[in-house]
């Protein structure tokens, strides 16, 4: 099966562009510093309301 050179070039360009844009949008996740987050506990039990 023969594929024209223009189609091959277009496919190579598409792969290159998608790879470059995927690498540029990479975000580095930084760990949170400081004390751990304290979760608030509801005063009353949501099931029975007796605490």
Protein backbone atom coordinates (compact mmCIF):
# COMPACT_ATOMS: atom_id res chain seq x y z
CA UNK A 1 0.00 0.00 0.00
CA UNK A 2 1.52 3.27 -1.09
CA UNK A 3 0.87 6.47 0.84
CA UNK A 4 1.81 9.82 -0.63
CA UNK A 5 4.62 11.83 0.90
CA UNK A 6 2.29 14.71 1.74
CA UNK A 7 0.07 12.43 3.84
CA UNK A 8 3.08 11.03 5.68
CA UNK A 9 4.40 14.54 6.34
CA UNK A 10 1.00 15.66 7.63
CA UNK A 11 0.82 12.66 9.97
CA UNK A 12 4.34 13.31 11.28
CA UNK A 13 3.50 16.97 11.84
CA UNK A 14 0.32 16.07 13.75
CA UNK A 15 2.22 13.68 16.02
CA UNK A 16 4.92 16.28 16.66
CA UNK A 17 2.46 19.06 17.46
CA UNK A 18 0.39 16.89 19.80
CA UNK A 19 3.53 15.69 21.61
CA UNK A 20 4.88 19.20 22.07
CA UNK A 21 1.59 20.59 23.38
CA UNK A 22 1.23 17.66 25.80
CA UNK A 23 4.71 18.30 27.19
CA UNK A 24 4.19 22.05 27.54
CA UNK A 25 0.97 21.67 29.57
CA UNK A 26 2.62 19.40 32.16
CA UNK A 27 1.97 20.73 35.65
CA UNK A 28 4.16 19.86 38.61
CA UNK A 29 2.19 19.08 41.74
CA UNK A 30 3.89 20.49 44.82
CA UNK A 31 3.28 18.91 48.21
CA UNK A 32 1.41 20.99 50.76
CA UNK A 33 3.58 22.43 53.47
CA UNK A 34 2.63 23.06 57.05
CA UNK A 35 0.23 21.30 59.36
CA UNK A 36 -2.13 18.62 58.09
CA UNK A 37 -5.66 19.73 57.39
CA UNK A 38 -8.06 19.20 60.30
CA UNK A 39 -11.43 17.84 59.27
CA UNK A 40 -14.48 19.26 61.01
CA UNK A 41 -16.75 16.70 62.62
CA UNK A 42 -20.44 17.59 62.75
CA UNK A 43 -21.74 18.21 66.27
CA UNK A 44 -24.76 15.97 65.93
CA UNK A 45 -24.90 12.53 64.39
CA UNK A 46 -26.52 12.95 60.98
CA UNK A 47 -28.24 9.57 61.34
CA UNK A 48 -29.97 9.92 64.69
CA UNK A 49 -29.28 13.54 65.77
CA UNK A 50 -28.15 12.50 69.26
CA UNK A 51 -24.46 13.36 68.93
